[in-house]
PDB file of N, CA and C in Angstrom:
ATOM      1  N   MET A   1     213.549  68.956 105.134  1.00  0.00           N
ATOM      2  CA  MET A   1     213.020  69.591 103.943  1.00  0.00           C
ATOM      3  C   MET A   1     214.136  69.825 102.935  1.00  0.00           C
ATOM      4  N   VAL A   2     213.788  69.707 101.685  1.00  0.00           N
ATOM      5  CA  VAL A   2     214.705  69.981 100.592  1.00  0.00           C
ATOM      6  C   VAL A   2     214.259  71.299  99.962  1.00  0.00           C
ATOM      7  N   ILE A   3     215.197  72.209  99.826  1.00  0.00           N
ATOM      8  CA  ILE A   3     214.922  73.503  99.200  1.00  0.00           C
ATOM      9  C   ILE A   3     215.617  73.494  97.849  1.00  0.00           C
ATOM     10  N   VAL A   4     214.858  73.770  96.807  1.00  0.00           N
ATOM     11  CA  VAL A   4     215.377  73.650  95.457  1.00  0.00           C
ATOM     12  C   VAL A   4     215.075  74.914  94.665  1.00  0.00           C
ATOM     13  N   GLU A   5     216.112  75.443  94.048  1.00  0.00           N
ATOM     14  CA  GLU A   5     215.962  76.584  93.142  1.00  0.00           C
ATOM     15  C   GLU A   5     216.050  76.038  91.723  1.00  0.00           C
ATOM     16  N   PHE A   6     215.118  76.464  90.880  1.00  0.00           N
ATOM     17  CA  PHE A   6     215.203  76.038  89.482  1.00  0.00           C
ATOM     18  C   PHE A   6     214.806  77.168  88.542  1.00  0.00           C
ATOM     19  N   VAL A   7     215.368  77.065  87.342  1.00  0.00           N
ATOM     20  CA  VAL A   7     215.086  78.019  86.280  1.00  0.00           C
ATOM     21  C   VAL A   7     214.809  77.211  85.030  1.00  0.00           C
ATOM     22  N   ILE A   8     213.676  77.457  84.408  1.00  0.00           N
ATOM     23  CA  ILE A   8     213.331  76.802  83.151  1.00  0.00           C
ATOM     24  C   ILE A   8     213.223  77.887  82.090  1.00  0.00           C
ATOM     25  N   VAL A   9     214.037  77.760  81.039  1.00  0.00           N
ATOM     26  CA  VAL A   9     214.079  78.787  80.003  1.00  0.00           C
ATOM     27  C   VAL A   9     213.773  78.170  78.642  1.00  0.00           C
ATOM     28  N   PRO A  10     212.673  78.601  78.018  1.00  0.00           N
ATOM     29  CA  PRO A  10     212.438  78.193  76.638  1.00  0.00           C
ATOM     30  C   PRO A  10     213.349  79.040  75.744  1.00  0.00           C
ATOM     31  N   LEU A  11     214.341  78.412  75.153  1.00  0.00           N
ATOM     32  CA  LEU A  11     215.343  79.159  74.389  1.00  0.00           C
ATOM     33  C   LEU A  11     214.718  79.803  73.159  1.00  0.00           C
ATOM     34  N   GLY A  12     215.140  81.016  72.885  1.00  0.00           N
ATOM     35  CA  GLY A  12     214.644  81.758  71.731  1.00  0.00           C
ATOM     36  C   GLY A  12     213.482  82.681  72.042  1.00  0.00           C
ATOM     37  N   GLU A  13     212.996  82.662  73.268  1.00  0.00           N
ATOM     38  CA  GLU A  13     211.869  83.512  73.654  1.00  0.00           C
ATOM     39  C   GLU A  13     212.375  84.820  74.250  1.00  0.00           C
ATOM     40  N   LYS A  14     211.710  85.920  73.940  1.00  0.00           N
ATOM     41  CA  LYS A  14     212.091  87.215  74.516  1.00  0.00           C
ATOM     42  C   LYS A  14     211.476  87.422  75.889  1.00  0.00           C
ATOM     43  N   SER A  15     210.259  86.972  76.069  1.00  0.00           N
ATOM     44  CA  SER A  15     209.570  87.123  77.351  1.00  0.00           C
ATOM     45  C   SER A  15     209.246  85.740  77.902  1.00  0.00           C
ATOM     46  N   LEU A  16     209.533  85.555  79.181  1.00  0.00           N
ATOM     47  CA  LEU A  16     209.309  84.251  79.809  1.00  0.00           C
ATOM     48  C   LEU A  16     208.096  84.226  80.730  1.00  0.00           C
ATOM     49  N   SER A  17     207.488  85.374  80.972  1.00  0.00           N
ATOM     50  CA  SER A  17     206.457  85.469  82.013  1.00  0.00           C
ATOM     51  C   SER A  17     205.277  84.532  81.783  1.00  0.00           C
ATOM     52  N   ARG A  18     204.860  84.328  80.548  1.00  0.00           N
ATOM     53  CA  ARG A  18     203.718  83.432  80.325  1.00  0.00           C
ATOM     54  C   ARG A  18     204.077  81.990  80.681  1.00  0.00           C
ATOM     55  N   TYR A  19     205.308  81.597  80.432  1.00  0.00           N
ATOM     56  CA  TYR A  19     205.762  80.258  80.793  1.00  0.00           C
ATOM     57  C   TYR A  19     205.863  80.114  82.314  1.00  0.00           C
ATOM     58  N   VAL A  20     206.457  81.106  82.952  1.00  0.00           N
ATOM     59  CA  VAL A  20     206.614  81.080  84.407  1.00  0.00           C
ATOM     60  C   VAL A  20     205.240  81.040  85.075  1.00  0.00           C
ATOM     61  N   ALA A  21     204.298  81.810  84.554  1.00  0.00           N
ATOM     62  CA  ALA A  21     202.939  81.830  85.115  1.00  0.00           C
ATOM     63  C   ALA A  21     202.308  80.440  85.074  1.00  0.00           C
ATOM     64  N   GLU A  22     202.528  79.707  84.003  1.00  0.00           N
ATOM     65  CA  GLU A  22     201.968  78.356  83.901  1.00  0.00           C
ATOM     66  C   GLU A  22     202.656  77.391  84.868  1.00  0.00           C
ATOM     67  N   VAL A  23     203.953  77.564  85.070  1.00  0.00           N
ATOM     68  CA  VAL A  23     204.668  76.737  86.044  1.00  0.00           C
ATOM     69  C   VAL A  23     204.157  77.044  87.455  1.00  0.00           C
ATOM     70  N   VAL A  24     203.917  78.316  87.755  1.00  0.00           N
ATOM     71  CA  VAL A  24     203.372  78.691  89.060  1.00  0.00           C
ATOM     72  C   VAL A  24     201.993  78.052  89.255  1.00  0.00           C
ATOM     73  N   LYS A  25     201.169  78.066  88.225  1.00  0.00           N
ATOM     74  CA  LYS A  25     199.855  77.410  88.327  1.00  0.00           C
ATOM     75  C   LYS A  25     200.014  75.919  88.631  1.00  0.00           C
ATOM     76  N   LEU A  26     200.990  75.288  87.995  1.00  0.00           N
ATOM     77  CA  LEU A  26     201.269  73.881  88.257  1.00  0.00           C
ATOM     78  C   LEU A  26     201.638  73.656  89.724  1.00  0.00           C
ATOM     79  N   LEU A  27     202.533  74.491  90.238  1.00  0.00           N
ATOM     80  CA  LEU A  27     202.946  74.379  91.641  1.00  0.00           C
ATOM     81  C   LEU A  27     201.762  74.566  92.578  1.00  0.00           C
ATOM     82  N   GLU A  28     200.906  75.519  92.266  1.00  0.00           N
ATOM     83  CA  GLU A  28     199.731  75.763  93.109  1.00  0.00           C
ATOM     84  C   GLU A  28     198.761  74.590  93.063  1.00  0.00           C
ATOM     85  N   ARG A  29     198.552  74.017  91.871  1.00  0.00           N
ATOM     86  CA  ARG A  29     197.665  72.843  91.759  1.00  0.00           C
ATOM     87  C   ARG A  29     198.200  71.678  92.586  1.00  0.00           C
ATOM     88  N   LYS A  30     199.512  71.536  92.633  1.00  0.00           N
ATOM     89  CA  LYS A  30     200.133  70.441  93.368  1.00  0.00           C
ATOM     90  C   LYS A  30     200.276  70.735  94.860  1.00  0.00           C
ATOM     91  N   GLY A  31     199.988  71.971  95.259  1.00  0.00           N
ATOM     92  CA  GLY A  31     200.104  72.340  96.665  1.00  0.00           C
ATOM     93  C   GLY A  31     201.546  72.452  97.143  1.00  0.00           C
ATOM     94  N   VAL A  32     202.443  72.780  96.233  1.00  0.00           N
ATOM     95  CA  VAL A  32     203.863  72.889  96.561  1.00  0.00           C
ATOM     96  C   VAL A  32     204.156  74.272  97.130  1.00  0.00           C
ATOM     97  N   LYS A  33     204.883  74.306  98.222  1.00  0.00           N
ATOM     98  CA  LYS A  33     205.320  75.579  98.790  1.00  0.00           C
ATOM     99  C   LYS A  33     206.394  76.141  97.869  1.00  0.00           C
ATOM    100  N   TYR A  34     206.212  77.389  97.425  1.00  0.00           N
ATOM    101  CA  TYR A  34     207.171  77.974  96.496  1.00  0.00           C
ATOM    102  C   TYR A  34     207.376  79.445  96.789  1.00  0.00           C
ATOM    103  N   GLN A  35     208.467  79.951  96.260  1.00  0.00           N
ATOM    104  CA  GLN A  35     208.763  81.381  96.316  1.00  0.00           C
ATOM    105  C   GLN A  35     209.244  81.777  94.927  1.00  0.00           C
ATOM    106  N   LEU A  36     208.555  82.708  94.325  1.00  0.00           N
ATOM    107  CA  LEU A  36     208.934  83.225  93.019  1.00  0.00           C
ATOM    108  C   LEU A  36     209.891  84.395  93.225  1.00  0.00           C
ATOM    109  N   THR A  37     211.013  84.391  92.532  1.00  0.00           N
ATOM    110  CA  THR A  37     211.962  85.501  92.595  1.00  0.00           C
ATOM    111  C   THR A  37     212.108  86.071  91.184  1.00  0.00           C
ATOM    112  N   PRO A  38     212.768  87.205  91.041  1.00  0.00           N
ATOM    113  CA  PRO A  38     212.927  87.768  89.697  1.00  0.00           C
ATOM    114  C   PRO A  38     213.748  86.887  88.750  1.00  0.00           C
ATOM    115  N   MET A  39     214.548  85.974  89.300  1.00  0.00           N
ATOM    116  CA  MET A  39     215.455  85.195  88.461  1.00  0.00           C
ATOM    117  C   MET A  39     215.228  83.679  88.515  1.00  0.00           C
ATOM    118  N   ALA A  40     214.412  83.207  89.443  1.00  0.00           N
ATOM    119  CA  ALA A  40     214.230  81.762  89.603  1.00  0.00           C
ATOM    120  C   ALA A  40     212.983  81.486  90.433  1.00  0.00           C
ATOM    121  N   THR A  41     212.675  80.213  90.555  1.00  0.00           N
ATOM    122  CA  THR A  41     211.598  79.762  91.430  1.00  0.00           C
ATOM    123  C   THR A  41     212.216  78.817  92.456  1.00  0.00           C
ATOM    124  N   ILE A  42     211.812  78.950  93.698  1.00  0.00           N
ATOM    125  CA  ILE A  42     212.322  78.108  94.767  1.00  0.00           C
ATOM    126  C   ILE A  42     211.153  77.309  95.322  1.00  0.00           C
ATOM    127  N   ILE A  43     211.375  76.016  95.491  1.00  0.00           N
ATOM    128  CA  ILE A  43     210.350  75.157  96.080  1.00  0.00           C
ATOM    129  C   ILE A  43     210.908  74.473  97.315  1.00  0.00           C
ATOM    130  N   GLU A  44     209.995  74.063  98.184  1.00  0.00           N
ATOM    131  CA  GLU A  44     210.360  73.334  99.394  1.00  0.00           C
ATOM    132  C   GLU A  44     209.516  72.067  99.428  1.00  0.00           C
ATOM    133  N   VAL A  45     210.195  70.924  99.391  1.00  0.00           N
ATOM    134  CA  VAL A  45     209.522  69.630  99.360  1.00  0.00           C
ATOM    135  C   VAL A  45     210.248  68.647 100.287  1.00  0.00           C
ATOM    136  N   PRO A  46     209.601  67.539 100.637  1.00  0.00           N
ATOM    137  CA  PRO A  46     210.224  66.599 101.575  1.00  0.00           C
ATOM    138  C   PRO A  46     211.453  65.867 101.034  1.00  0.00           C
ATOM    139  N   THR A  47     211.490  65.567  99.724  1.00  0.00           N
ATOM    140  CA  THR A  47     212.584  64.753  99.195  1.00  0.00           C
ATOM    141  C   THR A  47     213.117  65.297  97.877  1.00  0.00           C
ATOM    142  N   VAL A  48     214.338  64.915  97.568  1.00  0.00           N
ATOM    143  CA  VAL A  48     214.942  65.276  96.285  1.00  0.00           C
ATOM    144  C   VAL A  48     214.146  64.645  95.142  1.00  0.00           C
ATOM    145  N   ARG A  49     213.701  63.413  95.333  1.00  0.00           N
ATOM    146  CA  ARG A  49     212.914  62.721  94.295  1.00  0.00           C
ATOM    147  C   ARG A  49     211.659  63.526  93.953  1.00  0.00           C
ATOM    148  N   GLU A  50     210.971  64.018  94.984  1.00  0.00           N
ATOM    149  CA  GLU A  50     209.760  64.813  94.748  1.00  0.00           C
ATOM    150  C   GLU A  50     210.107  66.097  93.984  1.00  0.00           C
ATOM    151  N   ALA A  51     211.214  66.714  94.341  1.00  0.00           N
ATOM    152  CA  ALA A  51     211.650  67.926  93.642  1.00  0.00           C
ATOM    153  C   ALA A  51     211.890  67.642  92.168  1.00  0.00           C
ATOM    154  N   PHE A  52     212.625  66.562  91.880  1.00  0.00           N
ATOM    155  CA  PHE A  52     212.907  66.232  90.483  1.00  0.00           C
ATOM    156  C   PHE A  52     211.646  65.891  89.703  1.00  0.00           C
ATOM    157  N   ASP A  53     210.708  65.212  90.345  1.00  0.00           N
ATOM    158  CA  ASP A  53     209.441  64.894  89.667  1.00  0.00           C
ATOM    159  C   ASP A  53     208.686  66.166  89.299  1.00  0.00           C
ATOM    160  N   ILE A  54     208.642  67.116  90.221  1.00  0.00           N
ATOM    161  CA  ILE A  54     207.942  68.384  89.972  1.00  0.00           C
ATOM    162  C   ILE A  54     208.650  69.175  88.880  1.00  0.00           C
ATOM    163  N   ILE A  55     209.959  69.238  88.961  1.00  0.00           N
ATOM    164  CA  ILE A  55     210.717  70.004  87.964  1.00  0.00           C
ATOM    165  C   ILE A  55     210.607  69.351  86.589  1.00  0.00           C
ATOM    166  N   GLU A  56     210.625  68.035  86.541  1.00  0.00           N
ATOM    167  CA  GLU A  56     210.447  67.350  85.255  1.00  0.00           C
ATOM    168  C   GLU A  56     209.085  67.690  84.656  1.00  0.00           C
ATOM    169  N   GLU A  57     208.059  67.684  85.487  1.00  0.00           N
ATOM    170  CA  GLU A  57     206.717  68.022  85.008  1.00  0.00           C
ATOM    171  C   GLU A  57     206.670  69.464  84.496  1.00  0.00           C
ATOM    172  N   ALA A  58     207.311  70.379  85.216  1.00  0.00           N
ATOM    173  CA  ALA A  58     207.352  71.782  84.782  1.00  0.00           C
ATOM    174  C   ALA A  58     208.136  71.922  83.475  1.00  0.00           C
ATOM    175  N   HIS A  59     209.245  71.211  83.370  1.00  0.00           N
ATOM    176  CA  HIS A  59     210.074  71.224  82.158  1.00  0.00           C
ATOM    177  C   HIS A  59     209.246  70.760  80.949  1.00  0.00           C
ATOM    178  N   GLU A  60     208.526  69.660  81.116  1.00  0.00           N
ATOM    179  CA  GLU A  60     207.687  69.135  80.026  1.00  0.00           C
ATOM    180  C   GLU A  60     206.538  70.082  79.698  1.00  0.00           C
ATOM    181  N   LEU A  61     206.011  70.766  80.718  1.00  0.00           N
ATOM    182  CA  LEU A  61     204.930  71.726  80.502  1.00  0.00           C
ATOM    183  C   LEU A  61     205.359  72.829  79.537  1.00  0.00           C
ATOM    184  N   VAL A  62     206.592  73.298  79.669  1.00  0.00           N
ATOM    185  CA  VAL A  62     207.086  74.366  78.795  1.00  0.00           C
ATOM    186  C   VAL A  62     207.108  73.891  77.338  1.00  0.00           C
ATOM    187  N   PHE A  63     207.446  72.626  77.105  1.00  0.00           N
ATOM    188  CA  PHE A  63     207.354  72.080  75.743  1.00  0.00           C
ATOM    189  C   PHE A  63     205.907  72.053  75.270  1.00  0.00           C
ATOM    190  N   LYS A  64     205.001  71.640  76.148  1.00  0.00           N
ATOM    191  CA  LYS A  64     203.582  71.587  75.784  1.00  0.00           C
ATOM    192  C   LYS A  64     203.038  72.968  75.445  1.00  0.00           C
ATOM    193  N   LEU A  65     203.654  73.998  76.012  1.00  0.00           N
ATOM    194  CA  LEU A  65     203.212  75.374  75.746  1.00  0.00           C
ATOM    195  C   LEU A  65     203.785  75.912  74.436  1.00  0.00           C
ATOM    196  N   GLY A  66     204.570  75.104  73.746  1.00  0.00           N
ATOM    197  CA  GLY A  66     205.034  75.503  72.421  1.00  0.00           C
ATOM    198  C   GLY A  66     206.532  75.692  72.255  1.00  0.00           C
ATOM    199  N   ALA A  67     207.296  75.576  73.315  1.00  0.00           N
ATOM    200  CA  ALA A  67     208.750  75.738  73.182  1.00  0.00           C
ATOM    201  C   ALA A  67     209.321  74.560  72.399  1.00  0.00           C
ATOM    202  N   SER A  68     210.340  74.830  71.581  1.00  0.00           N
ATOM    203  CA  SER A  68     210.972  73.745  70.838  1.00  0.00           C
ATOM    204  C   SER A  68     212.321  73.354  71.442  1.00  0.00           C
ATOM    205  N   ARG A  69     212.843  74.200  72.336  1.00  0.00           N
ATOM    206  CA  ARG A  69     214.086  73.888  73.037  1.00  0.00           C
ATOM    207  C   ARG A  69     214.012  74.520  74.433  1.00  0.00           C
ATOM    208  N   VAL A  70     214.359  73.733  75.466  1.00  0.00           N
ATOM    209  CA  VAL A  70     214.222  74.197  76.844  1.00  0.00           C
ATOM    210  C   VAL A  70     215.504  73.893  77.617  1.00  0.00           C
ATOM    211  N   SER A  71     215.975  74.883  78.366  1.00  0.00           N
ATOM    212  CA  SER A  71     217.133  74.712  79.236  1.00  0.00           C
ATOM    213  C   SER A  71     216.661  74.852  80.678  1.00  0.00           C
ATOM    214  N   THR A  72     216.980  73.850  81.513  1.00  0.00           N
ATOM    215  CA  THR A  72     216.577  73.868  82.913  1.00  0.00           C
ATOM    216  C   THR A  72     217.806  73.728  83.799  1.00  0.00           C
ATOM    217  N   THR A  73     217.897  74.606  84.784  1.00  0.00           N
ATOM    218  CA  THR A  73     218.984  74.594  85.754  1.00  0.00           C
ATOM    219  C   THR A  73     218.388  74.351  87.136  1.00  0.00           C
ATOM    220  N   VAL A  74     219.052  73.494  87.935  1.00  0.00           N
ATOM    221  CA  VAL A  74     218.552  73.123  89.253  1.00  0.00           C
ATOM    222  C   VAL A  74     219.670  73.249  90.283  1.00  0.00           C
ATOM    223  N   ARG A  75     219.341  73.810  91.451  1.00  0.00           N
ATOM    224  CA  ARG A  75     220.275  73.871  92.580  1.00  0.00           C
ATOM    225  C   ARG A  75     219.541  73.367  93.813  1.00  0.00           C
ATOM    226  N   ILE A  76     220.167  72.435  94.552  1.00  0.00           N
ATOM    227  CA  ILE A  76     219.509  71.741  95.662  1.00  0.00           C
ATOM    228  C   ILE A  76     220.228  72.007  96.978  1.00  0.00           C
ATOM    229  N   ASP A  77     219.434  72.303  98.013  1.00  0.00           N
ATOM    230  CA  ASP A  77     219.943  72.379  99.382  1.00  0.00           C
ATOM    231  C   ASP A  77     219.219  71.290 100.167  1.00  0.00           C
ATOM    232  N   ASP A  78     219.925  70.211 100.452  1.00  0.00           N
ATOM    233  CA  ASP A  78     219.348  69.053 101.136  1.00  0.00           C
ATOM    234  C   ASP A  78     220.051  68.890 102.474  1.00  0.00           C
ATOM    235  N   ARG A  79     219.508  69.525 103.493  1.00  0.00           N
ATOM    236  CA  ARG A  79     220.113  69.475 104.819  1.00  0.00           C
ATOM    237  C   ARG A  79     219.399  68.421 105.659  1.00  0.00           C
ATOM    238  N   ARG A  80     220.168  67.513 106.242  1.00  0.00           N
ATOM    239  CA  ARG A  80     219.554  66.403 106.963  1.00  0.00           C
ATOM    240  C   ARG A  80     219.845  66.384 108.446  1.00  0.00           C
ATOM    241  N   ASP A  81     220.662  67.306 108.936  1.00  0.00           N
ATOM    242  CA  ASP A  81     220.952  67.312 110.371  1.00  0.00           C
ATOM    243  C   ASP A  81     219.881  68.037 111.178  1.00  0.00           C
ATOM    244  N   LYS A  82     219.129  68.924 110.526  1.00  0.00           N
ATOM    245  CA  LYS A  82     217.995  69.572 111.183  1.00  0.00           C
ATOM    246  C   LYS A  82     217.015  70.049 110.123  1.00  0.00           C
ATOM    247  N   ARG A  83     215.781  70.196 110.536  1.00  0.00           N
ATOM    248  CA  ARG A  83     214.709  70.613 109.614  1.00  0.00           C
ATOM    249  C   ARG A  83     214.769  72.136 109.452  1.00  0.00           C
ATOM    250  N   VAL A  84     215.007  72.581 108.227  1.00  0.00           N
ATOM    251  CA  VAL A  84     215.110  74.010 107.939  1.00  0.00           C
ATOM    252  C   VAL A  84     214.181  74.346 106.777  1.00  0.00           C
ATOM    253  N   HIS A  85     213.460  75.446 106.918  1.00  0.00           N
ATOM    254  CA  HIS A  85     212.571  75.933 105.862  1.00  0.00           C
ATOM    255  C   HIS A  85     213.210  77.149 105.193  1.00  0.00           C
ATOM    256  N   MET A  86     212.713  77.487 104.022  1.00  0.00           N
ATOM    257  CA  MET A  86     213.316  78.608 103.291  1.00  0.00           C
ATOM    258  C   MET A  86     213.257  79.911 104.080  1.00  0.00           C
ATOM    259  N   GLU A  87     212.193  80.140 104.847  1.00  0.00           N
ATOM    260  CA  GLU A  87     212.106  81.357 105.657  1.00  0.00           C
ATOM    261  C   GLU A  87     213.182  81.380 106.745  1.00  0.00           C
ATOM    262  N   ASP A  88     213.507  80.203 107.265  1.00  0.00           N
ATOM    263  CA  ASP A  88     214.538  80.116 108.300  1.00  0.00           C
ATOM    264  C   ASP A  88     215.891  80.579 107.774  1.00  0.00           C
ATOM    265  N   LYS A  89     216.187  80.202 106.554  1.00  0.00           N
ATOM    266  CA  LYS A  89     217.469  80.586 105.958  1.00  0.00           C
ATOM    267  C   LYS A  89     217.555  82.104 105.779  1.00  0.00           C
ATOM    268  N   VAL A  90     216.481  82.697 105.312  1.00  0.00           N
ATOM    269  CA  VAL A  90     216.450  84.146 105.110  1.00  0.00           C
ATOM    270  C   VAL A  90     216.533  84.864 106.453  1.00  0.00           C
ATOM    271  N   LYS A  91     215.762  84.390 107.428  1.00  0.00           N
ATOM    272  CA  LYS A  91     215.765  84.998 108.766  1.00  0.00           C
ATOM    273  C   LYS A  91     217.157  84.962 109.386  1.00  0.00           C
ATOM    274  N   SER A  92     217.844  83.857 109.245  1.00  0.00           N
ATOM    275  CA  SER A  92     219.187  83.718 109.807  1.00  0.00           C
ATOM    276  C   SER A  92     220.152  84.750 109.221  1.00  0.00           C
ATOM    277  N   VAL A  93     220.098  84.935 107.926  1.00  0.00           N
ATOM    278  CA  VAL A  93     220.984  85.909 107.270  1.00  0.00           C
ATOM    279  C   VAL A  93     220.634  87.329 107.709  1.00  0.00           C
ATOM    280  N   LEU A  94     219.342  87.661 107.732  1.00  0.00           N
ATOM    281  CA  LEU A  94     218.932  89.011 108.114  1.00  0.00           C
ATOM    282  C   LEU A  94     219.295  89.324 109.560  1.00  0.00           C
ATOM    283  N   GLU A  95     219.163  88.355 110.454  1.00  0.00           N
ATOM    284  CA  GLU A  95     219.568  88.574 111.848  1.00  0.00           C
ATOM    285  C   GLU A  95     221.058  88.888 111.937  1.00  0.00           C
ATOM    286  N   LYS A  96     221.858  88.153 111.193  1.00  0.00           N
ATOM    287  CA  LYS A  96     223.305  88.394 111.199  1.00  0.00           C
ATOM    288  C   LYS A  96     223.644  89.746 110.571  1.00  0.00           C
ATOM    289  N   ALA A  97     222.943  90.092 109.514  1.00  0.00           N
ATOM    290  CA  ALA A  97     223.192  91.377 108.841  1.00  0.00           C
ATOM    291  C   ALA A  97     222.827  92.554 109.719  1.00  0.00           C
ATOM    292  N   ARG A  98     221.878  92.354 110.617  1.00  0.00           N
ATOM    293  CA  ARG A  98     221.417  93.423 111.497  1.00  0.00           C
ATOM    294  C   ARG A  98     222.087  93.380 112.865  1.00  0.00           C
ATOM    295  N   GLY A  99     223.187  92.638 112.949  1.00  0.00           N
ATOM    296  CA  GLY A  99     223.948  92.609 114.188  1.00  0.00           C
ATOM    297  C   GLY A  99     223.537  91.557 115.180  1.00  0.00           C
ATOM    298  N   GLY A 100     222.740  90.594 114.743  1.00  0.00           N
ATOM    299  CA  GLY A 100     222.330  89.524 115.647  1.00  0.00           C
ATOM    300  C   GLY A 100     223.457  88.546 115.903  1.00  0.00           C
ATOM    301  N   ARG A 101     223.151  87.529 116.637  1.00  0.00           N
ATOM    302  CA  ARG A 101     224.169  86.530 116.984  1.00  0.00           C
ATOM    303  C   ARG A 101     224.518  85.669 115.795  1.00  0.00           C
ATOM    304  N   ASP A 102     225.651  84.983 115.922  1.00  0.00           N
ATOM    305  CA  ASP A 102     226.133  84.097 114.851  1.00  0.00           C
ATOM    306  C   ASP A 102     225.392  82.818 114.785  1.00  0.00           C
TER     307      ASP A 102
END
């Protein structure tokens, strides 16, 4: 699985929630596993190509919603030695923080 964090910002806007809400609707229509955070959206997909296709579609959606300039940032975690999901990463950190094994 590829875990991807992305942020799409329509420059010049004071509030982003209406844009983010439309991107979330897009992810739900596509059946993409996602996690919304206060600062970004994280998706989990099988390939980097699929991630880029989804993010490109979301980026273009923000223009369709009226933005005249859009900045998109992407961070990718592509681990290929074992299958890891976003919950696994969080669980691993919390176990270590609570005194669990390394």
